[in-house]
Amino acid sequence: MPLYAQQLEDLLRESFPNAEIVVGGDDGMHMSAMVIDESFRGKNRVQQQRAVYAALKGKMDGQDGELHALALTTRVPD
């Protein structure tokens, strides 16, 4: 079952309620997301991205994952 933009945003919003989140892509399998959140302050990019992948709750895991590819950008607010 594909994961669509609003579903992806809702899933991310659960873990990052105050973040600026921009989701792109419309095929349900290949998406992009930009997550800007204060919780990333002091963390390196790998730590930031791990936090986002953890928020996806397994939606990208294995061959049967709902989301095949995610182009991910993370950063702290200016």
N, C-alpha and C. Protein backbone atom coordinates (compact mmCIF):
# COMPACT_ATOMS: atom_id res chain seq x y z
N MET A 1 0.85 -1.18 0.00
CA MET A 1 0.00 0.00 0.00
C MET A 1 0.90 1.25 0.00
N PRO A 2 0.73 2.13 -0.92
CA PRO A 2 1.55 3.35 -0.98
C PRO A 2 1.27 4.29 0.19
N LEU A 3 2.24 5.13 0.44
CA LEU A 3 2.14 6.15 1.48
C LEU A 3 2.10 7.50 0.78
N TYR A 4 1.03 8.24 0.96
CA TYR A 4 0.87 9.51 0.25
C TYR A 4 1.32 10.70 1.09
N ALA A 5 1.47 11.83 0.43
CA ALA A 5 2.07 13.02 1.03
C ALA A 5 1.42 13.40 2.37
N GLN A 6 0.12 13.46 2.43
CA GLN A 6 -0.54 13.86 3.68
C GLN A 6 -0.30 12.83 4.77
N GLN A 7 -0.30 11.56 4.42
CA GLN A 7 -0.04 10.51 5.40
C GLN A 7 1.39 10.63 5.94
N LEU A 8 2.34 10.90 5.05
CA LEU A 8 3.72 11.06 5.46
C LEU A 8 3.87 12.27 6.38
N GLU A 9 3.25 13.37 6.01
CA GLU A 9 3.31 14.56 6.86
C GLU A 9 2.69 14.29 8.22
N ASP A 10 1.55 13.61 8.25
CA ASP A 10 0.89 13.31 9.52
C ASP A 10 1.78 12.43 10.41
N LEU A 11 2.44 11.46 9.80
CA LEU A 11 3.33 10.57 10.53
C LEU A 11 4.50 11.35 11.12
N LEU A 12 5.10 12.22 10.33
CA LEU A 12 6.21 13.05 10.81
C LEU A 12 5.75 14.02 11.89
N ARG A 13 4.56 14.55 11.73
CA ARG A 13 4.02 15.53 12.69
C ARG A 13 3.84 14.91 14.08
N GLU A 14 3.59 13.60 14.14
CA GLU A 14 3.46 12.94 15.45
C GLU A 14 4.74 13.08 16.26
N SER A 15 5.89 12.96 15.60
CA SER A 15 7.18 13.04 16.30
C SER A 15 7.75 14.45 16.34
N PHE A 16 7.33 15.27 15.40
CA PHE A 16 7.85 16.64 15.30
C PHE A 16 6.68 17.63 15.22
N PRO A 17 5.92 17.78 16.30
CA PRO A 17 4.69 18.57 16.25
C PRO A 17 4.88 20.05 15.93
N ASN A 18 6.05 20.60 16.25
CA ASN A 18 6.28 22.03 16.02
C ASN A 18 7.16 22.30 14.81
N ALA A 19 7.48 21.28 14.06
CA ALA A 19 8.39 21.41 12.93
C ALA A 19 7.72 22.07 11.73
N GLU A 20 8.57 22.66 10.90
CA GLU A 20 8.13 23.04 9.57
C GLU A 20 8.39 21.81 8.71
N ILE A 21 7.35 21.28 8.10
CA ILE A 21 7.46 20.05 7.32
C ILE A 21 6.90 20.31 5.93
N VAL A 22 7.71 19.99 4.93
CA VAL A 22 7.28 20.11 3.54
C VAL A 22 7.50 18.76 2.88
N VAL A 23 6.43 18.19 2.36
CA VAL A 23 6.49 16.87 1.73
C VAL A 23 6.18 17.02 0.26
N GLY A 24 6.95 16.33 -0.57
CA GLY A 24 6.73 16.35 -2.00
C GLY A 24 6.65 14.94 -2.55
N GLY A 25 6.17 14.84 -3.76
CA GLY A 25 6.02 13.54 -4.41
C GLY A 25 4.57 13.13 -4.42
N ASP A 26 4.17 12.48 -5.48
CA ASP A 26 2.76 12.13 -5.58
C ASP A 26 2.50 10.71 -6.05
N ASP A 27 3.57 9.88 -6.13
CA ASP A 27 3.33 8.51 -6.58
C ASP A 27 3.17 7.52 -5.43
N GLY A 28 3.35 7.99 -4.19
CA GLY A 28 3.15 7.13 -3.03
C GLY A 28 4.33 6.23 -2.72
N MET A 29 5.36 6.24 -3.53
CA MET A 29 6.51 5.37 -3.33
C MET A 29 7.82 6.15 -3.26
N HIS A 30 7.90 7.25 -4.00
CA HIS A 30 9.11 8.07 -4.07
C HIS A 30 8.75 9.48 -3.62
N MET A 31 9.23 9.84 -2.44
CA MET A 31 8.80 11.09 -1.83
C MET A 31 10.03 11.91 -1.43
N SER A 32 9.76 13.17 -1.11
CA SER A 32 10.78 14.02 -0.53
C SER A 32 10.18 14.68 0.71
N ALA A 33 11.03 14.98 1.66
CA ALA A 33 10.57 15.66 2.86
C ALA A 33 11.66 16.58 3.37
N MET A 34 11.24 17.76 3.79
CA MET A 34 12.13 18.69 4.48
C MET A 34 11.53 18.88 5.87
N VAL A 35 12.34 18.63 6.88
CA VAL A 35 11.89 18.76 8.26
C VAL A 35 12.84 19.74 8.95
N ILE A 36 12.27 20.85 9.41
CA ILE A 36 13.03 21.87 10.11
C ILE A 36 12.50 21.91 11.54
N ASP A 37 13.37 21.54 12.49
CA ASP A 37 12.87 21.42 13.85
C ASP A 37 13.96 21.77 14.87
N GLU A 38 13.56 22.42 15.92
CA GLU A 38 14.48 22.82 16.98
C GLU A 38 15.13 21.61 17.65
N SER A 39 14.46 20.48 17.67
CA SER A 39 15.01 19.29 18.32
C SER A 39 16.29 18.79 17.65
N PHE A 40 16.58 19.27 16.45
CA PHE A 40 17.79 18.88 15.74
C PHE A 40 19.02 19.67 16.19
N ARG A 41 18.80 20.74 16.94
CA ARG A 41 19.92 21.60 17.34
C ARG A 41 20.94 20.78 18.14
N GLY A 42 22.21 20.89 17.76
CA GLY A 42 23.28 20.17 18.42
C GLY A 42 23.50 18.76 17.91
N LYS A 43 22.65 18.32 16.99
CA LYS A 43 22.79 16.99 16.41
C LYS A 43 23.40 17.11 15.02
N ASN A 44 24.22 16.12 14.65
CA ASN A 44 24.75 16.12 13.29
C ASN A 44 23.69 15.61 12.32
N ARG A 45 23.97 15.69 11.04
CA ARG A 45 22.96 15.31 10.03
C ARG A 45 22.53 13.85 10.15
N VAL A 46 23.46 12.98 10.45
CA VAL A 46 23.11 11.56 10.59
C VAL A 46 22.12 11.39 11.75
N GLN A 47 22.37 12.03 12.86
CA GLN A 47 21.47 11.95 14.01
C GLN A 47 20.10 12.53 13.68
N GLN A 48 20.08 13.64 12.96
CA GLN A 48 18.82 14.26 12.56
C GLN A 48 18.02 13.31 11.67
N GLN A 49 18.70 12.73 10.69
CA GLN A 49 18.00 11.86 9.75
C GLN A 49 17.56 10.57 10.42
N ARG A 50 18.34 10.06 11.33
CA ARG A 50 17.90 8.87 12.08
C ARG A 50 16.63 9.15 12.86
N ALA A 51 16.53 10.35 13.42
CA ALA A 51 15.32 10.72 14.17
C ALA A 51 14.11 10.72 13.24
N VAL A 52 14.28 11.22 12.02
CA VAL A 52 13.17 11.24 11.07
C VAL A 52 12.81 9.82 10.65
N TYR A 53 13.80 9.00 10.34
CA TYR A 53 13.51 7.61 9.95
C TYR A 53 12.83 6.85 11.07
N ALA A 54 13.20 7.12 12.31
CA ALA A 54 12.53 6.49 13.45
C ALA A 54 11.07 6.90 13.51
N ALA A 55 10.79 8.15 13.15
CA ALA A 55 9.41 8.64 13.15
C ALA A 55 8.56 7.95 12.10
N LEU A 56 9.19 7.37 11.09
CA LEU A 56 8.44 6.70 10.03
C LEU A 56 7.91 5.33 10.45
N LYS A 57 8.33 4.87 11.60
CA LYS A 57 7.79 3.65 12.22
C LYS A 57 7.78 2.46 11.27
N GLY A 58 8.89 2.24 10.59
CA GLY A 58 9.02 1.05 9.76
C GLY A 58 8.42 1.13 8.38
N LYS A 59 7.91 2.29 7.99
CA LYS A 59 7.26 2.42 6.68
C LYS A 59 8.24 2.25 5.51
N MET A 60 9.55 2.33 5.78
CA MET A 60 10.55 2.16 4.73
C MET A 60 11.30 0.84 4.87
N ASP A 61 10.93 0.01 5.81
CA ASP A 61 11.68 -1.20 6.10
C ASP A 61 11.44 -2.32 5.09
N GLY A 62 12.52 -2.86 4.58
CA GLY A 62 12.45 -4.05 3.74
C GLY A 62 11.82 -3.81 2.38
N GLN A 63 11.74 -4.87 1.62
CA GLN A 63 11.18 -4.80 0.27
C GLN A 63 9.70 -4.47 0.26
N ASP A 64 9.01 -4.80 1.33
CA ASP A 64 7.57 -4.58 1.38
C ASP A 64 7.20 -3.27 2.07
N GLY A 65 8.18 -2.40 2.31
CA GLY A 65 7.89 -1.11 2.94
C GLY A 65 6.96 -0.27 2.07
N GLU A 66 6.12 0.51 2.71
CA GLU A 66 5.15 1.33 1.98
C GLU A 66 5.82 2.45 1.21
N LEU A 67 6.97 2.88 1.69
CA LEU A 67 7.70 3.98 1.06
C LEU A 67 9.03 3.45 0.56
N HIS A 68 9.24 3.55 -0.73
CA HIS A 68 10.44 2.99 -1.34
C HIS A 68 11.65 3.93 -1.22
N ALA A 69 11.45 5.21 -1.45
CA ALA A 69 12.56 6.16 -1.45
C ALA A 69 12.11 7.49 -0.85
N LEU A 70 13.00 8.08 -0.05
CA LEU A 70 12.71 9.37 0.55
C LEU A 70 13.95 10.26 0.44
N ALA A 71 13.83 11.32 -0.31
CA ALA A 71 14.88 12.33 -0.37
C ALA A 71 14.64 13.24 0.82
N LEU A 72 15.56 13.23 1.77
CA LEU A 72 15.33 13.87 3.06
C LEU A 72 16.30 15.01 3.30
N THR A 73 15.73 16.14 3.73
CA THR A 73 16.51 17.30 4.15
C THR A 73 16.09 17.62 5.58
N THR A 74 17.07 17.77 6.46
CA THR A 74 16.78 18.15 7.85
C THR A 74 17.67 19.33 8.21
N ARG A 75 17.14 20.18 9.09
CA ARG A 75 17.94 21.28 9.61
C ARG A 75 17.24 21.93 10.78
N VAL A 76 17.98 22.79 11.47
CA VAL A 76 17.40 23.56 12.58
C VAL A 76 16.85 24.86 12.03
N PRO A 77 15.91 25.46 12.72
CA PRO A 77 15.37 26.76 12.27
C PRO A 77 16.46 27.83 12.32
N ASP A 78 16.32 28.82 11.45
CA ASP A 78 17.26 29.95 11.42
C ASP A 78 17.08 30.83 12.63
